[in-house]
Amino acid sequence: AEPFFRETRAVQMRTAFSGAPCLKLSVDDYKMASFNQHEETMKKSLAPLLLCTALSAFSASETVSEAQLVGRWQCTTEYPEIKTTIVDTITLHPDYRVEDTGEDTMRIAGETFRYQIISHGTWKLEGKQLSFALRDDSITPRHDVQTQKHMENSTALRKFERDIAASFSLEEENIIVLRIDSIDKNNMQQTQLNDRNGEEMAKSRCKRL
C-alpha cells in the first residue's frame, strides 16, 4: 500500500482517516469538502471485510465456529457517503494470526485515488462477532494514469494527496469489529460496527478463495 496504505487493511474502514486533520482542497478546479466526519469510518474500513465466509449456513440466532473462518477470503466493502470502496484479501490462520492486503479506492474532488495497504495482526471470534487488531506494514499509491497526470500539473492536488497519505498511521493499531450476518460454504455477509459505540458502519460481501 502506498506504503501509503501501510496500514492497509483496514481498520475500521481501514481507510484510516481516524484522527487525521480535516482535509480540504480548493484550488484550480479542485474543491474538496471536509470529510472529517468520515475519517474514523475510513480508518476502519479495511479489515472487516475480510472475514466473510464459512462452510455452513447459519441464521441470525446461530453461531459460527472458528474453523469455518480459517482460510483465505476476499471481501468488498463500500462507503457511499465518502465514495470509498475497499477490497480486502485476507488470510485467517488457526493460531489467530491474520494477514491482509487491501485495495482502497477513493473518489474525491473529481479524482480517483487508489492505495494498496498491507497489514498483519490477530483475529478473535466471540459468538457472531469477529474482531481484528491490525497494524499496517505498507501503504502504496496505485493512482490511475489520469489522476497522476493531474497531480503532475497541480501543486494543490499533490499537496492534497500528501495530506491523505499523512492521515494513515503505520504505528497505530487498528481495531475492526464485524458482525457475521449470514454464512454458507462459499459466501458471507457481514456488517462493520463502530468499535466504540456499536453503531453499524458498512456492509461487506465476502467469498472464499
N, C-alpha and C. Protein backbone atom coordinates (compact mmCIF):
# COMPACT_ATOMS: atom_id res chain seq x y z
N ALA A 1 0.77 -1.05 0.00
CA ALA A 1 0.00 0.00 0.00
C ALA A 1 0.85 1.15 0.00
N GLU A 2 0.57 2.03 -0.51
CA GLU A 2 1.34 3.11 -0.92
C GLU A 2 2.47 3.32 -0.09
N PRO A 3 2.93 2.53 0.30
CA PRO A 3 3.13 2.30 1.61
C PRO A 3 2.44 3.36 2.17
N PHE A 4 1.60 3.95 1.44
CA PHE A 4 0.72 4.92 1.97
C PHE A 4 -0.31 4.16 2.70
N PHE A 5 -0.55 3.03 2.25
CA PHE A 5 -1.53 2.23 2.93
C PHE A 5 -0.85 1.27 3.80
N ARG A 6 0.17 1.59 4.32
CA ARG A 6 0.91 0.70 5.15
C ARG A 6 -0.02 0.13 6.16
N GLU A 7 -1.01 0.82 6.41
CA GLU A 7 -1.95 0.35 7.36
C GLU A 7 -2.97 -0.37 6.63
N THR A 8 -2.67 -0.80 5.58
CA THR A 8 -3.58 -1.47 4.76
C THR A 8 -4.44 -2.34 5.49
N ARG A 9 -5.41 -2.27 5.32
CA ARG A 9 -6.43 -3.02 5.87
C ARG A 9 -6.59 -2.85 7.22
N ALA A 10 -7.06 -2.02 7.14
CA ALA A 10 -8.01 -1.54 7.47
C ALA A 10 -8.52 -1.59 8.64
N VAL A 11 -8.98 -1.06 8.94
CA VAL A 11 -9.21 -0.86 10.18
C VAL A 11 -10.30 0.00 10.30
N GLN A 12 -11.22 -0.38 10.73
CA GLN A 12 -12.48 0.22 10.72
C GLN A 12 -12.38 1.09 9.59
N MET A 13 -12.77 0.62 8.64
CA MET A 13 -12.63 1.30 7.42
C MET A 13 -11.25 1.51 7.15
N ARG A 14 -10.60 0.70 7.41
CA ARG A 14 -9.23 0.67 7.12
C ARG A 14 -8.86 1.74 6.24
N THR A 15 -9.76 2.44 5.93
CA THR A 15 -9.44 3.56 5.16
C THR A 15 -8.87 4.50 6.09
N ALA A 16 -8.45 4.28 7.04
CA ALA A 16 -7.76 5.02 8.01
C ALA A 16 -7.64 6.47 7.96
N PHE A 17 -8.67 7.14 8.37
CA PHE A 17 -8.56 8.58 8.40
C PHE A 17 -8.81 9.06 9.80
N SER A 18 -8.96 8.14 10.70
CA SER A 18 -9.28 8.49 12.05
C SER A 18 -8.22 9.36 12.66
N GLY A 19 -8.64 10.44 13.25
CA GLY A 19 -7.68 11.29 13.91
C GLY A 19 -6.92 12.15 12.94
N ALA A 20 -7.22 12.05 11.66
CA ALA A 20 -6.49 12.87 10.70
C ALA A 20 -7.13 14.24 10.64
N PRO A 21 -6.37 15.27 10.27
CA PRO A 21 -6.92 16.60 10.20
C PRO A 21 -7.93 16.71 9.08
N CYS A 22 -8.81 17.67 9.19
CA CYS A 22 -9.81 17.85 8.14
C CYS A 22 -9.10 18.16 6.84
N LEU A 23 -9.41 17.41 5.79
CA LEU A 23 -8.74 17.62 4.52
C LEU A 23 -9.61 18.50 3.63
N LYS A 24 -9.01 19.49 3.04
CA LYS A 24 -9.78 20.37 2.19
C LYS A 24 -8.96 20.82 1.01
N LEU A 25 -9.56 20.84 -0.17
CA LEU A 25 -8.84 21.25 -1.36
C LEU A 25 -9.71 22.25 -2.11
N SER A 26 -9.20 23.43 -2.33
CA SER A 26 -9.97 24.43 -3.05
C SER A 26 -9.01 25.27 -3.86
N VAL A 27 -8.50 24.69 -4.91
CA VAL A 27 -7.56 25.38 -5.77
C VAL A 27 -7.82 24.89 -7.18
N ASP A 28 -7.57 25.74 -8.16
CA ASP A 28 -7.81 25.36 -9.53
C ASP A 28 -9.26 24.87 -9.65
N ASP A 29 -9.43 23.70 -10.25
CA ASP A 29 -10.78 23.15 -10.40
C ASP A 29 -11.10 22.14 -9.32
N TYR A 30 -10.24 22.03 -8.36
CA TYR A 30 -10.46 21.04 -7.31
C TYR A 30 -11.06 21.69 -6.08
N LYS A 31 -12.16 21.13 -5.66
CA LYS A 31 -12.81 21.63 -4.46
C LYS A 31 -13.12 20.43 -3.59
N MET A 32 -12.49 20.46 -2.45
CA MET A 32 -12.65 19.30 -1.57
C MET A 32 -13.37 19.68 -0.31
N ALA A 33 -14.50 19.06 -0.07
CA ALA A 33 -15.25 19.35 1.15
C ALA A 33 -14.63 18.57 2.28
N SER A 34 -14.76 19.12 3.45
CA SER A 34 -14.18 18.44 4.61
C SER A 34 -14.81 17.08 4.79
N PHE A 35 -13.95 16.07 4.97
CA PHE A 35 -14.53 14.76 5.25
C PHE A 35 -14.02 14.27 6.57
N ASN A 36 -13.94 15.24 7.47
CA ASN A 36 -13.53 14.93 8.83
C ASN A 36 -14.46 13.92 9.46
N GLN A 37 -15.77 14.09 9.26
CA GLN A 37 -16.75 13.23 9.91
C GLN A 37 -16.67 11.80 9.42
N HIS A 38 -15.97 11.59 8.30
CA HIS A 38 -15.89 10.23 7.78
C HIS A 38 -14.53 9.60 8.02
N GLU A 39 -13.63 10.34 8.65
CA GLU A 39 -12.28 9.83 8.84
C GLU A 39 -12.27 8.52 9.59
N GLU A 40 -12.99 8.47 10.69
CA GLU A 40 -12.95 7.25 11.51
C GLU A 40 -13.52 6.08 10.73
N THR A 41 -14.58 6.36 9.96
CA THR A 41 -15.19 5.29 9.18
C THR A 41 -14.16 4.71 8.23
N MET A 42 -13.39 5.57 7.57
CA MET A 42 -12.42 5.09 6.63
C MET A 42 -11.34 4.30 7.30
N LYS A 43 -10.93 4.75 8.40
CA LYS A 43 -9.82 4.09 9.05
C LYS A 43 -10.13 2.67 9.39
N LYS A 44 -11.40 2.38 9.54
CA LYS A 44 -11.72 1.03 9.91
C LYS A 44 -12.37 0.29 8.79
N SER A 45 -12.25 0.69 7.73
CA SER A 45 -12.89 0.03 6.67
C SER A 45 -12.09 -1.07 6.16
N LEU A 46 -11.11 -1.30 6.50
CA LEU A 46 -10.36 -2.25 5.84
C LEU A 46 -10.37 -3.59 6.34
N ALA A 47 -10.13 -3.91 7.35
CA ALA A 47 -10.02 -5.30 7.68
C ALA A 47 -11.31 -5.99 7.86
N PRO A 48 -12.34 -5.33 8.16
CA PRO A 48 -13.59 -6.00 8.45
C PRO A 48 -14.15 -6.77 7.32
N LEU A 49 -13.79 -6.40 6.12
CA LEU A 49 -14.42 -7.06 5.01
C LEU A 49 -13.85 -8.42 4.81
N LEU A 50 -12.76 -8.65 5.43
CA LEU A 50 -12.02 -9.84 5.15
C LEU A 50 -12.66 -11.12 5.61
N LEU A 51 -13.42 -11.06 6.63
CA LEU A 51 -13.90 -12.31 7.15
C LEU A 51 -15.24 -12.70 6.67
N CYS A 52 -15.48 -12.82 5.50
CA CYS A 52 -16.80 -13.12 5.12
C CYS A 52 -16.98 -14.46 4.53
N THR A 53 -16.81 -15.54 5.19
CA THR A 53 -17.11 -16.81 4.57
C THR A 53 -17.12 -17.97 5.54
N ALA A 54 -17.81 -19.03 5.21
CA ALA A 54 -17.82 -20.16 6.11
C ALA A 54 -18.31 -21.39 5.42
N LEU A 55 -18.29 -22.51 6.10
CA LEU A 55 -18.62 -23.76 5.44
C LEU A 55 -20.08 -24.12 5.51
N SER A 56 -20.80 -23.63 6.51
CA SER A 56 -22.21 -23.99 6.61
C SER A 56 -23.05 -22.76 6.88
N ALA A 57 -24.28 -22.79 6.41
CA ALA A 57 -25.15 -21.63 6.59
C ALA A 57 -25.65 -21.59 8.02
N PHE A 58 -25.91 -20.35 8.49
CA PHE A 58 -26.48 -20.25 9.83
C PHE A 58 -27.41 -19.06 9.87
N SER A 59 -28.36 -19.09 10.75
CA SER A 59 -29.31 -17.99 10.86
C SER A 59 -28.80 -17.00 11.88
N ALA A 60 -29.52 -15.89 12.02
CA ALA A 60 -29.10 -14.83 12.93
C ALA A 60 -29.02 -15.33 14.36
N SER A 61 -29.76 -16.38 14.69
CA SER A 61 -29.79 -16.86 16.07
C SER A 61 -28.70 -17.89 16.35
N GLU A 62 -28.02 -18.36 15.29
CA GLU A 62 -26.99 -19.36 15.47
C GLU A 62 -25.60 -18.73 15.52
N THR A 63 -24.61 -19.52 15.87
CA THR A 63 -23.24 -19.01 15.95
C THR A 63 -22.40 -19.64 14.84
N VAL A 64 -21.18 -19.14 14.70
CA VAL A 64 -20.26 -19.66 13.71
C VAL A 64 -19.00 -20.11 14.44
N SER A 65 -18.35 -21.13 13.94
CA SER A 65 -17.15 -21.65 14.61
C SER A 65 -15.89 -21.04 14.00
N GLU A 66 -14.81 -21.06 14.76
CA GLU A 66 -13.54 -20.54 14.27
C GLU A 66 -13.07 -21.33 13.06
N ALA A 67 -13.32 -22.65 13.07
CA ALA A 67 -12.88 -23.49 11.96
C ALA A 67 -13.50 -23.05 10.64
N GLN A 68 -14.71 -22.51 10.69
CA GLN A 68 -15.37 -22.05 9.47
C GLN A 68 -14.70 -20.83 8.86
N LEU A 69 -14.04 -20.05 9.68
CA LEU A 69 -13.44 -18.81 9.22
C LEU A 69 -12.00 -18.95 8.77
N VAL A 70 -11.32 -19.96 9.25
CA VAL A 70 -9.91 -20.15 8.89
C VAL A 70 -9.79 -20.34 7.38
N GLY A 71 -8.85 -19.62 6.76
CA GLY A 71 -8.65 -19.72 5.32
C GLY A 71 -8.43 -18.36 4.69
N ARG A 72 -8.57 -18.30 3.38
CA ARG A 72 -8.31 -17.08 2.62
C ARG A 72 -9.62 -16.56 2.03
N TRP A 73 -9.90 -15.27 2.24
CA TRP A 73 -11.15 -14.65 1.78
C TRP A 73 -10.89 -13.36 1.01
N GLN A 74 -11.87 -13.01 0.21
CA GLN A 74 -11.84 -11.70 -0.45
C GLN A 74 -13.16 -11.00 -0.12
N CYS A 75 -13.04 -9.81 0.47
CA CYS A 75 -14.24 -9.08 0.90
C CYS A 75 -14.29 -7.69 0.28
N THR A 76 -15.48 -7.27 -0.07
CA THR A 76 -15.69 -5.95 -0.66
C THR A 76 -16.61 -5.14 0.24
N THR A 77 -16.16 -3.94 0.59
CA THR A 77 -16.95 -3.06 1.46
C THR A 77 -17.06 -1.70 0.80
N GLU A 78 -18.26 -1.15 0.82
CA GLU A 78 -18.48 0.17 0.21
C GLU A 78 -18.95 1.17 1.25
N TYR A 79 -18.41 2.39 1.12
CA TYR A 79 -18.78 3.50 2.00
C TYR A 79 -19.29 4.63 1.09
N PRO A 80 -20.57 4.57 0.71
CA PRO A 80 -21.14 5.54 -0.23
C PRO A 80 -20.97 7.00 0.20
N GLU A 81 -21.11 7.28 1.48
CA GLU A 81 -21.04 8.67 1.94
C GLU A 81 -19.69 9.30 1.69
N ILE A 82 -18.65 8.50 1.67
CA ILE A 82 -17.32 9.06 1.42
C ILE A 82 -16.75 8.53 0.11
N LYS A 83 -17.63 7.94 -0.71
CA LYS A 83 -17.26 7.48 -2.04
C LYS A 83 -15.99 6.63 -2.02
N THR A 84 -16.00 5.65 -1.15
CA THR A 84 -14.83 4.78 -0.98
C THR A 84 -15.24 3.31 -1.07
N THR A 85 -14.44 2.53 -1.77
CA THR A 85 -14.65 1.08 -1.87
C THR A 85 -13.35 0.38 -1.48
N ILE A 86 -13.46 -0.63 -0.64
CA ILE A 86 -12.28 -1.36 -0.19
C ILE A 86 -12.44 -2.84 -0.51
N VAL A 87 -11.44 -3.40 -1.15
CA VAL A 87 -11.43 -4.83 -1.45
C VAL A 87 -10.26 -5.44 -0.70
N ASP A 88 -10.57 -6.34 0.24
CA ASP A 88 -9.54 -6.96 1.06
C ASP A 88 -9.34 -8.43 0.73
N THR A 89 -8.11 -8.82 0.67
CA THR A 89 -7.78 -10.24 0.55
C THR A 89 -7.11 -10.62 1.85
N ILE A 90 -7.79 -11.43 2.64
CA ILE A 90 -7.31 -11.69 3.99
C ILE A 90 -7.16 -13.19 4.26
N THR A 91 -6.15 -13.50 5.05
CA THR A 91 -5.91 -14.89 5.43
C THR A 91 -6.00 -15.02 6.94
N LEU A 92 -6.88 -15.90 7.41
CA LEU A 92 -7.05 -16.15 8.84
C LEU A 92 -6.42 -17.50 9.17
N HIS A 93 -5.44 -17.48 10.07
CA HIS A 93 -4.74 -18.70 10.45
C HIS A 93 -5.34 -19.32 11.72
N PRO A 94 -5.20 -20.63 11.89
CA PRO A 94 -5.72 -21.31 13.09
C PRO A 94 -5.15 -20.78 14.39
N ASP A 95 -3.93 -20.22 14.33
CA ASP A 95 -3.30 -19.71 15.55
C ASP A 95 -3.66 -18.24 15.81
N TYR A 96 -4.71 -17.76 15.11
CA TYR A 96 -5.27 -16.42 15.30
C TYR A 96 -4.43 -15.30 14.69
N ARG A 97 -3.48 -15.65 13.84
CA ARG A 97 -2.77 -14.62 13.08
C ARG A 97 -3.63 -14.26 11.86
N VAL A 98 -3.49 -13.01 11.39
CA VAL A 98 -4.21 -12.59 10.20
C VAL A 98 -3.30 -11.71 9.34
N GLU A 99 -3.40 -11.90 8.03
CA GLU A 99 -2.67 -11.06 7.08
C GLU A 99 -3.67 -10.51 6.08
N ASP A 100 -3.49 -9.24 5.73
CA ASP A 100 -4.46 -8.61 4.84
C ASP A 100 -3.78 -7.72 3.82
N THR A 101 -4.27 -7.79 2.59
CA THR A 101 -3.85 -6.88 1.53
C THR A 101 -5.11 -6.19 1.04
N GLY A 102 -5.17 -4.88 1.25
CA GLY A 102 -6.36 -4.13 0.88
C GLY A 102 -6.11 -3.20 -0.29
N GLU A 103 -7.11 -3.10 -1.15
CA GLU A 103 -7.09 -2.17 -2.29
C GLU A 103 -8.17 -1.14 -2.03
N ASP A 104 -7.77 0.09 -1.69
CA ASP A 104 -8.72 1.14 -1.37
C ASP A 104 -8.86 2.13 -2.52
N THR A 105 -10.09 2.38 -2.92
CA THR A 105 -10.37 3.33 -3.99
C THR A 105 -11.24 4.45 -3.44
N MET A 106 -10.73 5.68 -3.54
CA MET A 106 -11.45 6.85 -3.04
C MET A 106 -11.70 7.84 -4.18
N ARG A 107 -12.94 8.27 -4.33
CA ARG A 107 -13.28 9.25 -5.36
C ARG A 107 -13.53 10.58 -4.68
N ILE A 108 -12.58 11.49 -4.85
CA ILE A 108 -12.63 12.77 -4.16
C ILE A 108 -12.32 13.91 -5.11
N ALA A 109 -13.11 14.98 -5.02
CA ALA A 109 -12.87 16.18 -5.82
C ALA A 109 -12.70 15.87 -7.30
N GLY A 110 -13.47 14.91 -7.81
CA GLY A 110 -13.40 14.59 -9.22
C GLY A 110 -12.23 13.71 -9.60
N GLU A 111 -11.44 13.28 -8.64
CA GLU A 111 -10.28 12.44 -8.91
C GLU A 111 -10.47 11.08 -8.24
N THR A 112 -9.76 10.07 -8.74
CA THR A 112 -9.81 8.74 -8.16
C THR A 112 -8.45 8.39 -7.58
N PHE A 113 -8.40 8.21 -6.27
CA PHE A 113 -7.16 7.87 -5.58
C PHE A 113 -7.22 6.40 -5.19
N ARG A 114 -6.15 5.67 -5.48
CA ARG A 114 -6.11 4.25 -5.13
C ARG A 114 -4.84 3.96 -4.32
N TYR A 115 -5.03 3.15 -3.27
CA TYR A 115 -3.91 2.77 -2.42
C TYR A 115 -3.96 1.28 -2.10
N GLN A 116 -2.79 0.69 -2.02
CA GLN A 116 -2.71 -0.70 -1.57
C GLN A 116 -2.15 -0.69 -0.16
N ILE A 117 -2.83 -1.39 0.74
CA ILE A 117 -2.38 -1.40 2.14
C ILE A 117 -2.16 -2.85 2.58
N ILE A 118 -1.00 -3.11 3.12
CA ILE A 118 -0.68 -4.45 3.60
C ILE A 118 -0.59 -4.40 5.11
N SER A 119 -1.31 -5.30 5.78
CA SER A 119 -1.38 -5.29 7.23
C SER A 119 -1.26 -6.70 7.81
N HIS A 120 -0.99 -6.74 9.10
CA HIS A 120 -0.94 -8.03 9.80
C HIS A 120 -1.44 -7.80 11.22
N GLY A 121 -1.81 -8.89 11.89
CA GLY A 121 -2.28 -8.75 13.26
C GLY A 121 -2.90 -10.04 13.75
N THR A 122 -3.96 -9.91 14.57
CA THR A 122 -4.62 -11.07 15.14
C THR A 122 -6.13 -10.94 14.97
N TRP A 123 -6.84 -12.08 15.09
CA TRP A 123 -8.30 -12.09 14.99
C TRP A 123 -8.90 -12.85 16.15
N LYS A 124 -10.17 -12.54 16.44
CA LYS A 124 -10.88 -13.17 17.55
C LYS A 124 -12.36 -13.28 17.20
N LEU A 125 -12.95 -14.43 17.53
CA LEU A 125 -14.37 -14.65 17.28
C LEU A 125 -15.09 -14.84 18.60
N GLU A 126 -16.16 -14.08 18.82
CA GLU A 126 -16.99 -14.19 20.02
C GLU A 126 -18.44 -14.25 19.55
N GLY A 127 -19.01 -15.45 19.56
CA GLY A 127 -20.36 -15.60 19.05
C GLY A 127 -20.39 -15.33 17.56
N LYS A 128 -21.13 -14.30 17.15
CA LYS A 128 -21.18 -13.91 15.74
C LYS A 128 -20.34 -12.67 15.47
N GLN A 129 -19.58 -12.23 16.46
CA GLN A 129 -18.77 -11.02 16.31
C GLN A 129 -17.30 -11.36 16.07
N LEU A 130 -16.80 -10.85 14.96
CA LEU A 130 -15.41 -11.08 14.58
C LEU A 130 -14.65 -9.77 14.71
N SER A 131 -13.51 -9.80 15.36
CA SER A 131 -12.74 -8.57 15.53
C SER A 131 -11.29 -8.79 15.11
N PHE A 132 -10.69 -7.68 14.61
CA PHE A 132 -9.29 -7.71 14.17
C PHE A 132 -8.51 -6.62 14.90
N ALA A 133 -7.27 -6.95 15.22
CA ALA A 133 -6.34 -5.96 15.75
C ALA A 133 -5.21 -5.93 14.72
N LEU A 134 -5.17 -4.87 13.89
CA LEU A 134 -4.23 -4.82 12.77
C LEU A 134 -3.24 -3.67 12.85
N ARG A 135 -2.07 -3.93 12.29
CA ARG A 135 -1.07 -2.88 12.13
C ARG A 135 -0.65 -2.90 10.66
N ASP A 136 -0.55 -1.71 10.08
CA ASP A 136 -0.20 -1.63 8.67
C ASP A 136 1.31 -1.76 8.48
N ASP A 137 1.67 -2.49 7.47
CA ASP A 137 3.08 -2.68 7.14
C ASP A 137 3.52 -1.74 6.03
N SER A 138 2.63 -1.46 5.09
CA SER A 138 2.98 -0.58 3.98
C SER A 138 1.73 0.02 3.35
N ILE A 139 1.92 1.21 2.80
CA ILE A 139 0.83 1.91 2.12
C ILE A 139 1.41 2.43 0.80
N THR A 140 0.90 1.92 -0.31
CA THR A 140 1.45 2.27 -1.62
C THR A 140 0.39 2.86 -2.53
N PRO A 141 0.65 4.05 -3.11
CA PRO A 141 -0.32 4.65 -4.03
C PRO A 141 -0.38 3.87 -5.34
N ARG A 142 -1.60 3.69 -5.84
CA ARG A 142 -1.81 2.99 -7.11
C ARG A 142 -2.76 3.81 -7.98
N HIS A 143 -2.55 5.11 -8.06
CA HIS A 143 -3.45 6.00 -8.79
C HIS A 143 -3.45 5.70 -10.29
N ASP A 144 -4.62 5.95 -10.92
CA ASP A 144 -4.70 5.72 -12.36
C ASP A 144 -3.92 6.80 -13.11
N VAL A 145 -3.70 6.58 -14.39
CA VAL A 145 -2.88 7.48 -15.21
C VAL A 145 -3.44 8.90 -15.22
N GLN A 146 -4.74 9.05 -15.35
CA GLN A 146 -5.35 10.37 -15.41
C GLN A 146 -5.09 11.16 -14.14
N THR A 147 -5.29 10.51 -12.99
CA THR A 147 -5.05 11.20 -11.72
C THR A 147 -3.58 11.58 -11.57
N GLN A 148 -2.69 10.70 -11.99
CA GLN A 148 -1.26 11.00 -11.91
C GLN A 148 -0.90 12.22 -12.76
N LYS A 149 -1.49 12.31 -13.94
CA LYS A 149 -1.22 13.47 -14.81
C LYS A 149 -1.74 14.75 -14.19
N HIS A 150 -2.92 14.69 -13.60
CA HIS A 150 -3.48 15.87 -12.96
C HIS A 150 -2.61 16.30 -11.78
N MET A 151 -2.06 15.35 -11.07
CA MET A 151 -1.20 15.67 -9.94
C MET A 151 0.09 16.33 -10.41
N GLU A 152 0.60 15.88 -11.56
CA GLU A 152 1.83 16.47 -12.10
C GLU A 152 1.63 17.95 -12.45
N ASN A 153 0.40 18.29 -12.81
CA ASN A 153 0.12 19.67 -13.24
C ASN A 153 -0.50 20.55 -12.17
N SER A 154 -0.71 20.00 -10.99
CA SER A 154 -1.36 20.79 -9.93
C SER A 154 -0.63 20.63 -8.59
N THR A 155 -0.05 21.70 -8.14
CA THR A 155 0.61 21.70 -6.84
C THR A 155 -0.40 21.43 -5.73
N ALA A 156 -1.58 22.02 -5.87
CA ALA A 156 -2.62 21.86 -4.85
C ALA A 156 -3.06 20.40 -4.75
N LEU A 157 -3.19 19.72 -5.90
CA LEU A 157 -3.63 18.34 -5.88
C LEU A 157 -2.56 17.44 -5.27
N ARG A 158 -1.30 17.74 -5.58
CA ARG A 158 -0.21 16.95 -4.99
C ARG A 158 -0.20 17.10 -3.48
N LYS A 159 -0.42 18.32 -3.01
CA LYS A 159 -0.44 18.55 -1.57
C LYS A 159 -1.62 17.81 -0.93
N PHE A 160 -2.74 17.83 -1.62
CA PHE A 160 -3.93 17.15 -1.10
C PHE A 160 -3.67 15.66 -0.96
N GLU A 161 -3.02 15.08 -1.97
CA GLU A 161 -2.73 13.65 -1.93
C GLU A 161 -1.76 13.33 -0.78
N ARG A 162 -0.82 14.22 -0.53
CA ARG A 162 0.11 14.01 0.57
C ARG A 162 -0.62 14.07 1.91
N ASP A 163 -1.63 14.95 1.99
CA ASP A 163 -2.42 15.05 3.22
C ASP A 163 -3.19 13.75 3.47
N ILE A 164 -3.70 13.15 2.40
CA ILE A 164 -4.41 11.89 2.54
C ILE A 164 -3.46 10.83 3.08
N ALA A 165 -2.29 10.74 2.45
CA ALA A 165 -1.31 9.74 2.86
C ALA A 165 -0.89 9.95 4.31
N ALA A 166 -0.74 11.21 4.70
CA ALA A 166 -0.29 11.51 6.06
C ALA A 166 -1.34 11.13 7.10
N SER A 167 -2.58 10.97 6.69
CA SER A 167 -3.64 10.64 7.63
C SER A 167 -3.61 9.17 8.02
N PHE A 168 -2.81 8.39 7.32
CA PHE A 168 -2.68 6.97 7.65
C PHE A 168 -1.53 6.81 8.64
N SER A 169 -1.72 5.92 9.58
CA SER A 169 -0.69 5.70 10.58
C SER A 169 -0.15 4.28 10.49
N LEU A 170 1.18 4.16 10.42
CA LEU A 170 1.79 2.85 10.34
C LEU A 170 2.08 2.30 11.73
N GLU A 171 1.93 3.16 12.72
CA GLU A 171 2.26 2.74 14.08
C GLU A 171 1.03 2.38 14.91
N GLU A 172 -0.06 3.01 14.61
CA GLU A 172 -1.27 2.79 15.41
C GLU A 172 -1.94 1.46 15.11
N GLU A 173 -2.39 0.78 16.14
CA GLU A 173 -3.10 -0.48 15.97
C GLU A 173 -4.56 -0.18 15.64
N ASN A 174 -5.07 -0.83 14.61
CA ASN A 174 -6.45 -0.61 14.18
C ASN A 174 -7.34 -1.75 14.65
N ILE A 175 -8.43 -1.40 15.31
CA ILE A 175 -9.38 -2.40 15.79
C ILE A 175 -10.60 -2.39 14.88
N ILE A 176 -10.92 -3.54 14.32
CA ILE A 176 -12.06 -3.64 13.42
C ILE A 176 -13.03 -4.68 13.97
N VAL A 177 -14.28 -4.29 14.05
CA VAL A 177 -15.31 -5.18 14.61
C VAL A 177 -16.36 -5.47 13.55
N LEU A 178 -16.64 -6.76 13.33
CA LEU A 178 -17.61 -7.17 12.33
C LEU A 178 -18.65 -8.11 12.93
N ARG A 179 -19.87 -7.96 12.48
CA ARG A 179 -20.94 -8.89 12.87
C ARG A 179 -21.24 -9.77 11.66
N ILE A 180 -21.15 -11.08 11.84
CA ILE A 180 -21.43 -12.00 10.75
C ILE A 180 -22.95 -12.18 10.66
N ASP A 181 -23.53 -11.73 9.55
CA ASP A 181 -24.98 -11.77 9.38
C ASP A 181 -25.47 -13.07 8.74
N SER A 182 -24.69 -13.62 7.84
CA SER A 182 -25.06 -14.89 7.20
C SER A 182 -23.80 -15.53 6.64
N ILE A 183 -23.85 -16.85 6.51
CA ILE A 183 -22.67 -17.55 6.01
C ILE A 183 -23.07 -18.89 5.43
N ASP A 184 -22.40 -19.28 4.34
CA ASP A 184 -22.59 -20.61 3.78
C ASP A 184 -21.23 -21.12 3.34
N LYS A 185 -21.20 -22.12 2.52
CA LYS A 185 -19.93 -22.74 2.16
C LYS A 185 -18.96 -21.79 1.49
N ASN A 186 -19.44 -20.90 0.64
CA ASN A 186 -18.55 -20.05 -0.15
C ASN A 186 -18.73 -18.55 0.03
N ASN A 187 -19.74 -18.14 0.74
CA ASN A 187 -20.03 -16.70 0.85
C ASN A 187 -20.38 -16.29 2.28
N MET A 188 -20.15 -15.02 2.54
CA MET A 188 -20.51 -14.50 3.86
C MET A 188 -20.92 -13.04 3.75
N GLN A 189 -21.91 -12.65 4.54
CA GLN A 189 -22.36 -11.27 4.61
C GLN A 189 -22.05 -10.78 6.02
N GLN A 190 -21.46 -9.61 6.13
CA GLN A 190 -21.17 -9.09 7.46
C GLN A 190 -21.38 -7.59 7.53
N THR A 191 -21.51 -7.11 8.75
CA THR A 191 -21.72 -5.68 8.99
C THR A 191 -20.59 -5.16 9.86
N GLN A 192 -19.96 -4.10 9.42
CA GLN A 192 -18.89 -3.50 10.22
C GLN A 192 -19.51 -2.61 11.29
N LEU A 193 -19.02 -2.75 12.51
CA LEU A 193 -19.54 -1.98 13.63
C LEU A 193 -18.50 -1.02 14.18
N ASN A 194 -18.97 0.12 14.66
CA ASN A 194 -18.07 1.06 15.32
C ASN A 194 -17.58 0.41 16.60
N ASP A 195 -16.26 0.31 16.77
CA ASP A 195 -15.73 -0.40 17.93
C ASP A 195 -15.94 0.35 19.24
N ARG A 196 -16.44 1.59 19.16
CA ARG A 196 -16.66 2.38 20.37
C ARG A 196 -18.10 2.35 20.85
N ASN A 197 -19.03 2.49 19.89
CA ASN A 197 -20.44 2.55 20.31
C ASN A 197 -21.33 1.47 19.68
N GLY A 198 -20.74 0.60 18.85
CA GLY A 198 -21.50 -0.49 18.27
C GLY A 198 -22.40 -0.13 17.10
N GLU A 199 -22.36 1.13 16.64
CA GLU A 199 -23.21 1.54 15.54
C GLU A 199 -22.77 0.87 14.24
N GLU A 200 -23.75 0.57 13.37
CA GLU A 200 -23.43 -0.04 12.08
C GLU A 200 -22.76 0.98 11.17
N MET A 201 -21.70 0.54 10.48
CA MET A 201 -20.94 1.45 9.63
C MET A 201 -21.03 1.11 8.14
N ALA A 202 -20.96 -0.17 7.82
CA ALA A 202 -20.98 -0.56 6.40
C ALA A 202 -21.25 -2.06 6.29
N LYS A 203 -21.65 -2.47 5.08
CA LYS A 203 -21.92 -3.87 4.79
C LYS A 203 -20.78 -4.42 3.93
N SER A 204 -20.41 -5.67 4.18
CA SER A 204 -19.35 -6.33 3.42
C SER A 204 -19.86 -7.62 2.79
N ARG A 205 -19.37 -7.89 1.59
CA ARG A 205 -19.68 -9.13 0.88
C ARG A 205 -18.37 -9.90 0.71
N CYS A 206 -18.35 -11.14 1.15
CA CYS A 206 -17.10 -11.91 1.09
C CYS A 206 -17.28 -13.24 0.37
N LYS A 207 -16.19 -13.70 -0.21
CA LYS A 207 -16.21 -15.02 -0.86
C LYS A 207 -14.90 -15.74 -0.53
N ARG A 208 -14.99 -17.04 -0.43
CA ARG A 208 -13.80 -17.84 -0.12
C ARG A 208 -12.96 -17.99 -1.37
N LEU A 209 -11.65 -17.86 -1.22
CA LEU A 209 -10.73 -18.02 -2.35
C LEU A 209 -10.10 -19.41 -2.32
